[in-house]
Amino acid sequence: MGHPPDTGPGIPFGYPPIDSVIQGGLQKGSATLLWGVPGTHKTNLCAKFLAQGLPKDDPSLLALFITFKIERAAFLRFLYEEAERRGREQEELQNRTKIIAARDPFELPTSVLTRIMKTVEREAGKIRRAGVFGLRRLHQLPAYKDQHWGFLEVLVRFLHSYEITTLLIDWPDPGAVAVPMIIDLCANEIEMKKDDKTDEITAWIKRCNYALVGKPVPYK
């Protein structure tokens, strides 16, 4: 299956089986929550999502990857694998992906936001997609304490203001308290599940463009 370009009113996710479910595509500037237990290929999907926004015929476009958990070199390995699958040069995708590491447990949220905002503003509309990785770690960081919800809301709304379509990996707290904010901030929601008996992985598209879906697709 091919990878449709970022054209028209809807934006493709970047993984054809998921795109077949979200017919019409994602809304420009919307946020998608991708969550699930470890080992369900969320990082692979993030690499696919970002690579989809880096078309070969428009080298001016960039992607943004913000990480609170995975190291830069580790994520690049996933991006290199995706480049190979798409027949692209590894160095090209690396050079077009701006990576902001926020793994220092004592860096203040305001400092992280400042770095993100400066990067987005400096690139003046070239960044069309962003991946934010390791959000589950936010409530564990000393510098955030009870600020992780406010930080996340400001971040998502800032990226939306620049029409940057965003993929949020995991969530600070999967409990009931988080549900209203998830529904408010994220137009789309995908849960990755793993069958303990067969090890098969399924992507459950729970919501798309604020509408309930509840449809599974196999991840291979």
N, C-alpha and C. Protein backbone atom coordinates (compact mmCIF):
# COMPACT_ATOMS: atom_id res chain seq x y z
N MET A 1 0.83 -1.19 0.00
CA MET A 1 0.00 0.00 0.00
C MET A 1 0.88 1.25 0.00
N GLY A 2 0.44 2.28 -0.75
CA GLY A 2 1.24 3.47 -0.83
C GLY A 2 0.94 4.44 0.29
N HIS A 3 1.67 5.55 0.28
CA HIS A 3 1.50 6.56 1.31
C HIS A 3 0.97 7.83 0.66
N PRO A 4 -0.30 8.20 0.88
CA PRO A 4 -0.87 9.40 0.27
C PRO A 4 -0.17 10.65 0.79
N PRO A 5 -0.08 11.68 -0.04
CA PRO A 5 0.60 12.92 0.38
C PRO A 5 -0.26 13.75 1.30
N ASP A 6 0.35 14.77 1.91
CA ASP A 6 -0.37 15.71 2.77
C ASP A 6 -1.06 16.76 1.89
N THR A 7 -2.12 16.36 1.20
CA THR A 7 -2.84 17.30 0.35
C THR A 7 -4.32 17.20 0.67
N GLY A 8 -5.06 18.23 0.27
CA GLY A 8 -6.49 18.23 0.51
C GLY A 8 -6.81 18.59 1.94
N PRO A 9 -8.10 18.53 2.29
CA PRO A 9 -8.53 18.94 3.63
C PRO A 9 -8.10 17.96 4.72
N GLY A 10 -7.94 16.68 4.39
CA GLY A 10 -7.56 15.68 5.37
C GLY A 10 -6.10 15.29 5.24
N ILE A 11 -5.47 15.02 6.38
CA ILE A 11 -4.06 14.69 6.41
C ILE A 11 -3.90 13.21 6.75
N PRO A 12 -3.17 12.44 5.94
CA PRO A 12 -2.97 11.03 6.25
C PRO A 12 -2.09 10.83 7.46
N PHE A 13 -2.36 9.79 8.22
CA PHE A 13 -1.55 9.48 9.39
C PHE A 13 -0.16 9.02 8.97
N GLY A 14 -0.09 8.13 7.98
CA GLY A 14 1.20 7.63 7.52
C GLY A 14 1.35 6.13 7.62
N TYR A 15 0.29 5.45 8.10
CA TYR A 15 0.27 3.99 8.14
C TYR A 15 -1.03 3.58 7.44
N PRO A 16 -0.93 3.00 6.22
CA PRO A 16 -2.11 2.76 5.39
C PRO A 16 -3.30 2.09 6.07
N PRO A 17 -3.12 1.04 6.91
CA PRO A 17 -4.29 0.44 7.56
C PRO A 17 -5.05 1.43 8.46
N ILE A 18 -4.30 2.32 9.14
CA ILE A 18 -4.98 3.34 9.95
C ILE A 18 -5.65 4.36 9.05
N ASP A 19 -4.97 4.74 7.96
CA ASP A 19 -5.56 5.71 7.04
C ASP A 19 -6.84 5.18 6.40
N SER A 20 -6.94 3.85 6.23
CA SER A 20 -8.15 3.28 5.65
C SER A 20 -9.35 3.43 6.58
N VAL A 21 -9.10 3.56 7.88
CA VAL A 21 -10.18 3.74 8.86
C VAL A 21 -10.55 5.21 8.98
N ILE A 22 -9.54 6.07 9.07
CA ILE A 22 -9.82 7.51 9.22
C ILE A 22 -9.98 8.14 7.84
N GLN A 23 -10.96 7.66 7.11
CA GLN A 23 -11.21 8.17 5.77
C GLN A 23 -11.52 9.66 5.85
N GLY A 24 -10.89 10.40 4.97
CA GLY A 24 -11.01 11.85 5.02
C GLY A 24 -9.80 12.48 5.70
N GLY A 25 -9.06 11.65 6.44
CA GLY A 25 -7.82 12.12 7.04
C GLY A 25 -7.98 12.89 8.34
N LEU A 26 -6.86 13.20 8.95
CA LEU A 26 -6.82 13.99 10.17
C LEU A 26 -7.02 15.47 9.84
N GLN A 27 -7.57 16.20 10.78
CA GLN A 27 -7.71 17.64 10.60
C GLN A 27 -6.35 18.31 10.77
N LYS A 28 -6.09 19.28 9.92
CA LYS A 28 -4.82 20.02 10.02
C LYS A 28 -4.72 20.69 11.38
N GLY A 29 -3.58 20.50 12.04
CA GLY A 29 -3.36 21.11 13.34
C GLY A 29 -3.97 20.36 14.50
N SER A 30 -4.60 19.22 14.23
CA SER A 30 -5.23 18.45 15.31
C SER A 30 -4.19 17.63 16.07
N ALA A 31 -4.58 17.15 17.24
CA ALA A 31 -3.72 16.30 18.06
C ALA A 31 -4.30 14.90 18.13
N THR A 32 -3.42 13.91 18.05
CA THR A 32 -3.80 12.50 18.17
C THR A 32 -3.09 11.90 19.37
N LEU A 33 -3.84 11.27 20.24
CA LEU A 33 -3.26 10.56 21.38
C LEU A 33 -3.01 9.11 20.98
N LEU A 34 -1.75 8.66 21.09
CA LEU A 34 -1.38 7.28 20.82
C LEU A 34 -0.85 6.69 22.12
N TRP A 35 -1.54 5.67 22.65
CA TRP A 35 -1.13 5.14 23.94
C TRP A 35 -1.27 3.62 23.95
N GLY A 36 -0.66 3.01 24.97
CA GLY A 36 -0.71 1.56 25.10
C GLY A 36 0.45 1.05 25.94
N VAL A 37 0.45 -0.22 26.21
CA VAL A 37 1.49 -0.82 27.04
C VAL A 37 2.82 -0.81 26.29
N PRO A 38 3.95 -0.89 27.01
CA PRO A 38 5.25 -0.95 26.33
C PRO A 38 5.33 -2.15 25.39
N GLY A 39 6.10 -1.97 24.32
CA GLY A 39 6.29 -3.06 23.38
C GLY A 39 5.22 -3.18 22.32
N THR A 40 4.42 -2.12 22.13
CA THR A 40 3.36 -2.18 21.12
C THR A 40 3.66 -1.26 19.92
N HIS A 41 4.92 -0.95 19.72
CA HIS A 41 5.41 -0.26 18.52
C HIS A 41 4.91 1.17 18.38
N LYS A 42 4.74 1.85 19.50
CA LYS A 42 4.32 3.25 19.43
C LYS A 42 5.42 4.12 18.81
N THR A 43 6.68 3.79 19.12
CA THR A 43 7.78 4.58 18.55
C THR A 43 7.86 4.38 17.04
N ASN A 44 7.63 3.15 16.57
CA ASN A 44 7.60 2.90 15.13
C ASN A 44 6.53 3.74 14.45
N LEU A 45 5.34 3.78 15.07
CA LEU A 45 4.25 4.56 14.49
C LEU A 45 4.56 6.05 14.47
N CYS A 46 5.26 6.51 15.50
CA CYS A 46 5.65 7.92 15.53
C CYS A 46 6.60 8.23 14.37
N ALA A 47 7.55 7.32 14.11
CA ALA A 47 8.48 7.52 13.00
C ALA A 47 7.73 7.55 11.67
N LYS A 48 6.73 6.68 11.51
CA LYS A 48 5.92 6.67 10.29
C LYS A 48 5.16 7.98 10.15
N PHE A 49 4.57 8.44 11.25
CA PHE A 49 3.79 9.67 11.24
C PHE A 49 4.66 10.86 10.83
N LEU A 50 5.85 10.98 11.40
CA LEU A 50 6.72 12.11 11.07
C LEU A 50 7.26 12.01 9.65
N ALA A 51 7.67 10.80 9.24
CA ALA A 51 8.20 10.63 7.89
C ALA A 51 7.16 10.97 6.83
N GLN A 52 5.89 10.70 7.13
CA GLN A 52 4.82 11.01 6.19
C GLN A 52 4.76 12.51 5.89
N GLY A 53 5.15 13.32 6.86
CA GLY A 53 5.12 14.77 6.68
C GLY A 53 6.38 15.34 6.07
N LEU A 54 7.27 14.47 5.57
CA LEU A 54 8.51 14.92 4.95
C LEU A 54 8.58 14.44 3.51
N PRO A 55 7.72 14.95 2.64
CA PRO A 55 7.68 14.49 1.25
C PRO A 55 8.99 14.78 0.52
N LYS A 56 9.36 13.85 -0.32
CA LYS A 56 10.62 13.98 -1.06
C LYS A 56 10.58 15.15 -2.02
N ASP A 57 9.38 15.45 -2.56
CA ASP A 57 9.28 16.50 -3.56
C ASP A 57 9.16 17.90 -2.97
N ASP A 58 9.19 18.01 -1.64
CA ASP A 58 9.17 19.33 -1.00
C ASP A 58 10.15 19.32 0.18
N PRO A 59 11.44 19.46 -0.12
CA PRO A 59 12.47 19.38 0.93
C PRO A 59 12.44 20.52 1.93
N SER A 60 11.59 21.52 1.72
CA SER A 60 11.54 22.64 2.66
C SER A 60 10.77 22.27 3.93
N LEU A 61 9.92 21.25 3.86
CA LEU A 61 9.09 20.89 5.01
C LEU A 61 9.90 20.12 6.06
N LEU A 62 9.57 20.38 7.33
CA LEU A 62 10.30 19.79 8.45
C LEU A 62 9.33 19.10 9.41
N ALA A 63 9.91 18.29 10.29
CA ALA A 63 9.13 17.67 11.36
C ALA A 63 9.81 17.99 12.69
N LEU A 64 9.03 17.92 13.77
CA LEU A 64 9.54 18.22 15.11
C LEU A 64 9.31 17.01 16.00
N PHE A 65 10.35 16.60 16.73
CA PHE A 65 10.23 15.49 17.67
C PHE A 65 10.68 15.97 19.04
N ILE A 66 9.76 15.91 20.01
CA ILE A 66 10.04 16.35 21.38
C ILE A 66 10.04 15.11 22.26
N THR A 67 11.12 14.87 22.98
CA THR A 67 11.19 13.65 23.77
C THR A 67 11.47 13.93 25.24
N PHE A 68 10.67 13.30 26.08
CA PHE A 68 10.88 13.34 27.53
C PHE A 68 11.46 12.03 28.02
N LYS A 69 11.66 11.09 27.11
CA LYS A 69 12.08 9.75 27.53
C LYS A 69 13.18 9.17 26.65
N ILE A 70 12.85 8.82 25.41
CA ILE A 70 13.79 8.13 24.55
C ILE A 70 14.94 9.05 24.15
N GLU A 71 16.14 8.50 24.05
CA GLU A 71 17.30 9.29 23.65
C GLU A 71 17.26 9.58 22.16
N ARG A 72 17.91 10.66 21.78
CA ARG A 72 17.92 11.09 20.38
C ARG A 72 18.40 9.99 19.45
N ALA A 73 19.54 9.37 19.81
CA ALA A 73 20.13 8.33 18.94
C ALA A 73 19.19 7.14 18.79
N ALA A 74 18.49 6.80 19.87
CA ALA A 74 17.57 5.66 19.82
C ALA A 74 16.41 5.95 18.88
N PHE A 75 15.86 7.16 18.95
CA PHE A 75 14.76 7.48 18.05
C PHE A 75 15.21 7.52 16.59
N LEU A 76 16.41 8.02 16.36
CA LEU A 76 16.91 8.09 14.98
C LEU A 76 17.00 6.71 14.34
N ARG A 77 17.26 5.69 15.15
CA ARG A 77 17.29 4.33 14.59
C ARG A 77 15.93 3.95 14.02
N PHE A 78 14.86 4.34 14.72
CA PHE A 78 13.51 4.07 14.21
C PHE A 78 13.25 4.87 12.93
N LEU A 79 13.73 6.11 12.91
CA LEU A 79 13.54 6.95 11.73
C LEU A 79 14.32 6.40 10.54
N TYR A 80 15.54 5.87 10.81
CA TYR A 80 16.33 5.27 9.73
C TYR A 80 15.62 4.05 9.14
N GLU A 81 15.01 3.24 10.01
CA GLU A 81 14.28 2.06 9.53
C GLU A 81 13.12 2.47 8.64
N GLU A 82 12.43 3.55 9.03
CA GLU A 82 11.31 4.03 8.23
C GLU A 82 11.80 4.60 6.91
N ALA A 83 12.95 5.27 6.92
CA ALA A 83 13.53 5.78 5.68
C ALA A 83 13.83 4.64 4.72
N GLU A 84 14.36 3.56 5.24
CA GLU A 84 14.67 2.40 4.40
C GLU A 84 13.40 1.79 3.81
N ARG A 85 12.33 1.71 4.63
CA ARG A 85 11.08 1.16 4.13
C ARG A 85 10.49 2.01 3.01
N ARG A 86 10.73 3.30 3.07
CA ARG A 86 10.18 4.21 2.07
C ARG A 86 11.14 4.47 0.91
N GLY A 87 12.32 3.86 0.94
CA GLY A 87 13.30 4.09 -0.11
C GLY A 87 13.88 5.49 -0.08
N ARG A 88 14.05 6.02 1.13
CA ARG A 88 14.57 7.38 1.31
C ARG A 88 15.95 7.33 1.95
N GLU A 89 16.68 8.42 1.82
CA GLU A 89 18.00 8.53 2.44
C GLU A 89 17.84 8.80 3.94
N GLN A 90 18.58 8.06 4.76
CA GLN A 90 18.52 8.25 6.21
C GLN A 90 18.91 9.67 6.60
N GLU A 91 19.97 10.15 6.01
CA GLU A 91 20.48 11.48 6.36
C GLU A 91 19.47 12.57 6.02
N GLU A 92 18.73 12.38 4.93
CA GLU A 92 17.73 13.38 4.54
C GLU A 92 16.65 13.52 5.61
N LEU A 93 16.09 12.40 6.06
CA LEU A 93 15.03 12.46 7.08
C LEU A 93 15.58 12.98 8.41
N GLN A 94 16.81 12.60 8.73
CA GLN A 94 17.41 13.09 9.98
C GLN A 94 17.58 14.60 9.95
N ASN A 95 18.09 15.12 8.85
CA ASN A 95 18.34 16.56 8.74
C ASN A 95 17.05 17.38 8.74
N ARG A 96 15.95 16.74 8.35
CA ARG A 96 14.67 17.46 8.28
C ARG A 96 13.82 17.25 9.52
N THR A 97 14.36 16.55 10.51
CA THR A 97 13.63 16.32 11.77
C THR A 97 14.32 17.08 12.90
N LYS A 98 13.68 18.09 13.41
CA LYS A 98 14.21 18.87 14.52
C LYS A 98 13.90 18.14 15.83
N ILE A 99 14.91 17.81 16.60
CA ILE A 99 14.72 17.04 17.82
C ILE A 99 15.02 17.91 19.04
N ILE A 100 14.05 17.97 19.94
CA ILE A 100 14.22 18.69 21.20
C ILE A 100 14.17 17.67 22.33
N ALA A 101 15.28 17.49 23.01
CA ALA A 101 15.36 16.57 24.14
C ALA A 101 15.03 17.32 25.43
N ALA A 102 14.03 16.81 26.15
CA ALA A 102 13.61 17.43 27.42
C ALA A 102 13.68 16.38 28.52
N ARG A 103 14.78 15.63 28.55
CA ARG A 103 14.92 14.51 29.46
C ARG A 103 15.51 14.89 30.82
N ASP A 104 15.99 16.12 30.95
CA ASP A 104 16.54 16.58 32.22
C ASP A 104 15.39 16.70 33.23
N PRO A 105 15.41 15.91 34.31
CA PRO A 105 14.28 15.92 35.25
C PRO A 105 14.11 17.24 36.00
N PHE A 106 15.11 18.12 35.94
CA PHE A 106 15.03 19.37 36.69
C PHE A 106 14.87 20.59 35.80
N GLU A 107 14.76 20.39 34.48
CA GLU A 107 14.52 21.53 33.59
C GLU A 107 13.08 22.00 33.76
N LEU A 108 12.89 23.27 33.98
CA LEU A 108 11.55 23.82 34.24
C LEU A 108 10.69 23.75 32.98
N PRO A 109 9.39 23.53 33.17
CA PRO A 109 8.48 23.49 32.02
C PRO A 109 8.54 24.75 31.16
N THR A 110 8.72 25.91 31.79
CA THR A 110 8.80 27.16 31.02
C THR A 110 10.00 27.16 30.09
N SER A 111 11.09 26.55 30.54
CA SER A 111 12.29 26.46 29.71
C SER A 111 12.07 25.56 28.51
N VAL A 112 11.41 24.42 28.75
CA VAL A 112 11.11 23.50 27.65
C VAL A 112 10.19 24.17 26.63
N LEU A 113 9.12 24.83 27.12
CA LEU A 113 8.20 25.52 26.22
C LEU A 113 8.91 26.60 25.41
N THR A 114 9.82 27.31 26.05
CA THR A 114 10.56 28.37 25.35
C THR A 114 11.38 27.78 24.20
N ARG A 115 12.04 26.67 24.46
CA ARG A 115 12.85 26.03 23.41
C ARG A 115 11.98 25.56 22.24
N ILE A 116 10.82 25.00 22.58
CA ILE A 116 9.91 24.52 21.53
C ILE A 116 9.38 25.70 20.71
N MET A 117 8.94 26.75 21.41
CA MET A 117 8.36 27.90 20.71
C MET A 117 9.38 28.58 19.81
N LYS A 118 10.61 28.71 20.29
CA LYS A 118 11.65 29.34 19.48
C LYS A 118 11.94 28.53 18.22
N THR A 119 11.95 27.21 18.37
CA THR A 119 12.21 26.35 17.21
C THR A 119 11.09 26.49 16.17
N VAL A 120 9.85 26.44 16.63
CA VAL A 120 8.71 26.55 15.72
C VAL A 120 8.69 27.92 15.05
N GLU A 121 8.88 28.96 15.81
CA GLU A 121 8.84 30.32 15.26
C GLU A 121 10.01 30.56 14.30
N ARG A 122 11.17 30.00 14.61
CA ARG A 122 12.34 30.18 13.75
C ARG A 122 12.13 29.54 12.38
N GLU A 123 11.41 28.41 12.35
CA GLU A 123 11.22 27.71 11.08
C GLU A 123 10.06 28.26 10.28
N ALA A 124 9.32 29.20 10.82
CA ALA A 124 8.32 29.99 10.08
C ALA A 124 7.43 29.17 9.15
N GLY A 125 6.67 28.25 9.73
CA GLY A 125 5.68 27.52 8.95
C GLY A 125 6.18 26.29 8.23
N LYS A 126 7.45 25.98 8.35
CA LYS A 126 7.99 24.79 7.67
C LYS A 126 7.65 23.50 8.39
N ILE A 127 7.44 23.59 9.71
CA ILE A 127 7.12 22.39 10.49
C ILE A 127 5.63 22.12 10.36
N ARG A 128 5.28 20.94 9.83
CA ARG A 128 3.88 20.59 9.63
C ARG A 128 3.42 19.50 10.60
N ARG A 129 4.38 18.72 11.14
CA ARG A 129 4.03 17.63 12.06
C ARG A 129 4.96 17.63 13.26
N ALA A 130 4.41 17.19 14.39
CA ALA A 130 5.22 17.08 15.61
C ALA A 130 4.87 15.79 16.33
N GLY A 131 5.88 15.16 16.92
CA GLY A 131 5.66 14.00 17.78
C GLY A 131 6.18 14.35 19.17
N VAL A 132 5.37 14.08 20.18
CA VAL A 132 5.76 14.36 21.57
C VAL A 132 5.81 13.03 22.30
N PHE A 133 6.99 12.62 22.70
CA PHE A 133 7.20 11.25 23.19
C PHE A 133 7.49 11.22 24.70
N GLY A 134 6.89 10.24 25.38
CA GLY A 134 7.21 10.01 26.78
C GLY A 134 6.41 10.82 27.76
N LEU A 135 5.17 11.16 27.41
CA LEU A 135 4.37 12.02 28.29
C LEU A 135 4.02 11.34 29.62
N ARG A 136 4.04 10.02 29.63
CA ARG A 136 3.75 9.32 30.88
C ARG A 136 4.78 9.65 31.96
N ARG A 137 5.94 10.09 31.53
CA ARG A 137 7.02 10.40 32.47
C ARG A 137 6.84 11.77 33.12
N LEU A 138 5.97 12.60 32.58
CA LEU A 138 5.85 13.98 33.06
C LEU A 138 5.53 14.07 34.55
N HIS A 139 4.57 13.25 35.01
CA HIS A 139 4.18 13.38 36.41
C HIS A 139 5.25 12.85 37.36
N GLN A 140 6.31 12.23 36.82
CA GLN A 140 7.41 11.73 37.63
C GLN A 140 8.56 12.72 37.73
N LEU A 141 8.54 13.76 36.89
CA LEU A 141 9.65 14.71 36.86
C LEU A 141 9.52 15.75 37.97
N PRO A 142 10.56 15.93 38.78
CA PRO A 142 10.50 16.89 39.90
C PRO A 142 10.13 18.31 39.48
N ALA A 143 10.61 18.74 38.32
CA ALA A 143 10.37 20.12 37.88
C ALA A 143 8.91 20.38 37.53
N TYR A 144 8.16 19.32 37.24
CA TYR A 144 6.78 19.50 36.79
C TYR A 144 5.78 19.43 37.95
N LYS A 145 6.01 18.52 38.88
CA LYS A 145 5.11 18.36 40.03
C LYS A 145 3.66 18.33 39.55
N ASP A 146 2.88 19.35 39.89
CA ASP A 146 1.47 19.38 39.48
C ASP A 146 1.25 20.24 38.24
N GLN A 147 2.34 20.56 37.53
CA GLN A 147 2.22 21.46 36.39
C GLN A 147 2.07 20.74 35.06
N HIS A 148 2.10 19.39 35.06
CA HIS A 148 2.16 18.70 33.77
C HIS A 148 0.91 18.90 32.93
N TRP A 149 -0.27 19.04 33.58
CA TRP A 149 -1.48 19.26 32.80
C TRP A 149 -1.47 20.63 32.14
N GLY A 150 -1.09 21.65 32.90
CA GLY A 150 -1.03 22.98 32.33
C GLY A 150 -0.01 23.08 31.22
N PHE A 151 1.15 22.44 31.42
CA PHE A 151 2.20 22.43 30.40
C PHE A 151 1.68 21.80 29.11
N LEU A 152 1.02 20.66 29.25
CA LEU A 152 0.54 19.92 28.09
C LEU A 152 -0.52 20.71 27.32
N GLU A 153 -1.40 21.37 28.05
CA GLU A 153 -2.43 22.16 27.38
C GLU A 153 -1.83 23.32 26.59
N VAL A 154 -0.88 24.02 27.20
CA VAL A 154 -0.23 25.13 26.50
C VAL A 154 0.51 24.63 25.27
N LEU A 155 1.22 23.49 25.41
CA LEU A 155 1.99 22.94 24.29
C LEU A 155 1.07 22.57 23.12
N VAL A 156 0.00 21.83 23.40
CA VAL A 156 -0.89 21.39 22.32
C VAL A 156 -1.56 22.57 21.65
N ARG A 157 -2.00 23.53 22.44
CA ARG A 157 -2.69 24.69 21.85
C ARG A 157 -1.71 25.57 21.06
N PHE A 158 -0.47 25.64 21.50
CA PHE A 158 0.54 26.40 20.75
C PHE A 158 0.79 25.74 19.39
N LEU A 159 1.00 24.42 19.38
CA LEU A 159 1.24 23.72 18.12
C LEU A 159 0.03 23.84 17.19
N HIS A 160 -1.16 23.79 17.78
CA HIS A 160 -2.38 23.94 16.98
C HIS A 160 -2.44 25.32 16.32
N SER A 161 -1.99 26.35 17.04
CA SER A 161 -2.04 27.72 16.51
C SER A 161 -1.16 27.87 15.28
N TYR A 162 -0.17 26.99 15.13
CA TYR A 162 0.71 27.00 13.95
C TYR A 162 0.28 25.93 12.94
N GLU A 163 -0.90 25.35 13.14
CA GLU A 163 -1.45 24.31 12.27
C GLU A 163 -0.50 23.12 12.13
N ILE A 164 0.16 22.79 13.25
CA ILE A 164 1.06 21.63 13.28
C ILE A 164 0.26 20.43 13.78
N THR A 165 0.14 19.42 12.94
CA THR A 165 -0.58 18.21 13.30
C THR A 165 0.32 17.39 14.23
N THR A 166 -0.21 17.04 15.40
CA THR A 166 0.63 16.52 16.48
C THR A 166 0.22 15.12 16.91
N LEU A 167 1.24 14.30 17.20
CA LEU A 167 1.03 12.97 17.75
C LEU A 167 1.59 12.94 19.17
N LEU A 168 0.71 12.71 20.15
CA LEU A 168 1.12 12.63 21.55
C LEU A 168 1.29 11.17 21.93
N ILE A 169 2.49 10.80 22.39
CA ILE A 169 2.76 9.41 22.74
C ILE A 169 2.57 9.23 24.24
N ASP A 170 1.59 8.43 24.62
CA ASP A 170 1.22 8.17 26.01
C ASP A 170 0.60 9.41 26.64
N TRP A 171 0.35 9.34 27.93
CA TRP A 171 -0.40 10.39 28.63
C TRP A 171 0.07 10.39 30.08
N PRO A 172 0.18 11.55 30.71
CA PRO A 172 0.69 11.58 32.09
C PRO A 172 -0.07 10.69 33.05
N ASP A 173 -1.38 10.60 32.89
CA ASP A 173 -2.20 9.81 33.82
C ASP A 173 -3.37 9.23 33.05
N PRO A 174 -3.43 7.91 32.89
CA PRO A 174 -4.52 7.32 32.12
C PRO A 174 -5.82 7.21 32.91
N GLY A 175 -5.88 7.75 34.12
CA GLY A 175 -7.05 7.64 34.98
C GLY A 175 -8.21 8.50 34.52
N ALA A 176 -9.30 8.39 35.27
CA ALA A 176 -10.55 9.07 34.90
C ALA A 176 -10.40 10.59 34.88
N VAL A 177 -9.52 11.12 35.74
CA VAL A 177 -9.34 12.57 35.82
C VAL A 177 -8.84 13.12 34.49
N ALA A 178 -8.07 12.32 33.75
CA ALA A 178 -7.48 12.78 32.50
C ALA A 178 -8.44 12.76 31.33
N VAL A 179 -9.53 12.01 31.44
CA VAL A 179 -10.43 11.82 30.30
C VAL A 179 -10.97 13.13 29.73
N PRO A 180 -11.49 14.06 30.55
CA PRO A 180 -12.01 15.30 29.97
C PRO A 180 -10.95 16.07 29.18
N MET A 181 -9.70 16.10 29.66
CA MET A 181 -8.67 16.84 28.94
C MET A 181 -8.30 16.13 27.64
N ILE A 182 -8.27 14.79 27.67
CA ILE A 182 -7.98 14.04 26.46
C ILE A 182 -9.01 14.37 25.38
N ILE A 183 -10.28 14.35 25.76
CA ILE A 183 -11.35 14.62 24.81
C ILE A 183 -11.28 16.05 24.29
N ASP A 184 -10.88 16.97 25.16
CA ASP A 184 -10.81 18.38 24.78
C ASP A 184 -9.64 18.67 23.86
N LEU A 185 -8.48 18.11 24.17
CA LEU A 185 -7.26 18.44 23.43
C LEU A 185 -7.01 17.55 22.21
N CYS A 186 -7.47 16.31 22.25
CA CYS A 186 -7.13 15.35 21.21
C CYS A 186 -8.35 15.00 20.35
N ALA A 187 -8.27 15.34 19.08
CA ALA A 187 -9.36 15.02 18.16
C ALA A 187 -9.41 13.53 17.85
N ASN A 188 -8.26 12.87 18.03
CA ASN A 188 -8.14 11.47 17.66
C ASN A 188 -7.48 10.69 18.79
N GLU A 189 -7.82 9.41 18.88
CA GLU A 189 -7.24 8.58 19.94
C GLU A 189 -7.04 7.16 19.41
N ILE A 190 -5.82 6.65 19.58
CA ILE A 190 -5.48 5.30 19.14
C ILE A 190 -4.83 4.56 20.30
N GLU A 191 -5.38 3.41 20.64
CA GLU A 191 -4.80 2.58 21.70
C GLU A 191 -4.15 1.35 21.06
N MET A 192 -2.89 1.11 21.43
CA MET A 192 -2.16 -0.06 20.94
C MET A 192 -2.30 -1.19 21.95
N LYS A 193 -2.74 -2.35 21.46
CA LYS A 193 -2.95 -3.50 22.33
C LYS A 193 -2.14 -4.69 21.84
N LYS A 194 -1.74 -5.54 22.79
CA LYS A 194 -0.97 -6.73 22.46
C LYS A 194 -1.65 -7.96 23.03
N ASP A 195 -1.84 -8.98 22.19
CA ASP A 195 -2.42 -10.24 22.63
C ASP A 195 -1.34 -11.06 23.33
N ASP A 196 -1.53 -11.35 24.60
CA ASP A 196 -0.51 -12.06 25.38
C ASP A 196 -0.27 -13.48 24.87
N LYS A 197 -1.25 -14.06 24.20
CA LYS A 197 -1.10 -15.44 23.73
C LYS A 197 -0.41 -15.51 22.37
N THR A 198 -0.75 -14.60 21.48
CA THR A 198 -0.22 -14.66 20.11
C THR A 198 0.85 -13.61 19.83
N ASP A 199 0.98 -12.63 20.73
CA ASP A 199 1.90 -11.49 20.55
C ASP A 199 1.48 -10.58 19.39
N GLU A 200 0.28 -10.80 18.86
CA GLU A 200 -0.19 -9.93 17.79
C GLU A 200 -0.55 -8.56 18.35
N ILE A 201 -0.24 -7.52 17.59
CA ILE A 201 -0.47 -6.15 18.02
C ILE A 201 -1.58 -5.54 17.18
N THR A 202 -2.49 -4.85 17.86
CA THR A 202 -3.64 -4.23 17.19
C THR A 202 -3.71 -2.76 17.55
N ALA A 203 -3.97 -1.94 16.55
CA ALA A 203 -4.20 -0.51 16.78
C ALA A 203 -5.71 -0.28 16.80
N TRP A 204 -6.22 0.11 17.96
CA TRP A 204 -7.65 0.40 18.10
C TRP A 204 -7.88 1.89 17.88
N ILE A 205 -8.52 2.23 16.78
CA ILE A 205 -8.87 3.63 16.54
C ILE A 205 -10.14 3.91 17.33
N LYS A 206 -10.00 4.60 18.45
CA LYS A 206 -11.13 4.83 19.35
C LYS A 206 -11.93 6.07 18.97
N ARG A 207 -11.21 7.13 18.55
CA ARG A 207 -11.89 8.35 18.12
C ARG A 207 -11.15 8.93 16.92
N CYS A 208 -11.90 9.54 16.02
CA CYS A 208 -11.31 10.20 14.86
C CYS A 208 -12.09 11.48 14.58
N ASN A 209 -11.36 12.60 14.57
CA ASN A 209 -11.99 13.92 14.36
C ASN A 209 -13.19 14.11 15.29
N TYR A 210 -12.96 13.76 16.56
CA TYR A 210 -13.90 13.92 17.67
C TYR A 210 -15.08 12.96 17.62
N ALA A 211 -15.13 12.07 16.64
CA ALA A 211 -16.23 11.11 16.56
C ALA A 211 -15.75 9.74 17.05
N LEU A 212 -16.62 9.03 17.76
CA LEU A 212 -16.30 7.69 18.23
C LEU A 212 -16.21 6.74 17.05
N VAL A 213 -15.18 5.88 17.07
CA VAL A 213 -14.98 4.93 15.98
C VAL A 213 -14.99 3.50 16.52
N GLY A 214 -14.00 3.18 17.38
CA GLY A 214 -13.94 1.86 18.00
C GLY A 214 -13.66 0.74 17.01
N LYS A 215 -12.70 0.96 16.09
CA LYS A 215 -12.40 -0.06 15.10
C LYS A 215 -10.93 -0.49 15.20
N PRO A 216 -10.66 -1.81 15.22
CA PRO A 216 -9.27 -2.29 15.31
C PRO A 216 -8.67 -2.53 13.94
N VAL A 217 -7.35 -2.30 13.83
CA VAL A 217 -6.61 -2.69 12.62
C VAL A 217 -5.34 -3.40 13.07
N PRO A 218 -4.92 -4.45 12.39
CA PRO A 218 -3.70 -5.15 12.77
C PRO A 218 -2.47 -4.30 12.48
N TYR A 219 -1.48 -4.41 13.37
CA TYR A 219 -0.21 -3.71 13.13
C TYR A 219 0.86 -4.74 12.80
N LYS A 220 1.50 -4.58 11.64
CA LYS A 220 2.54 -5.52 11.21
C LYS A 220 3.79 -4.76 10.84
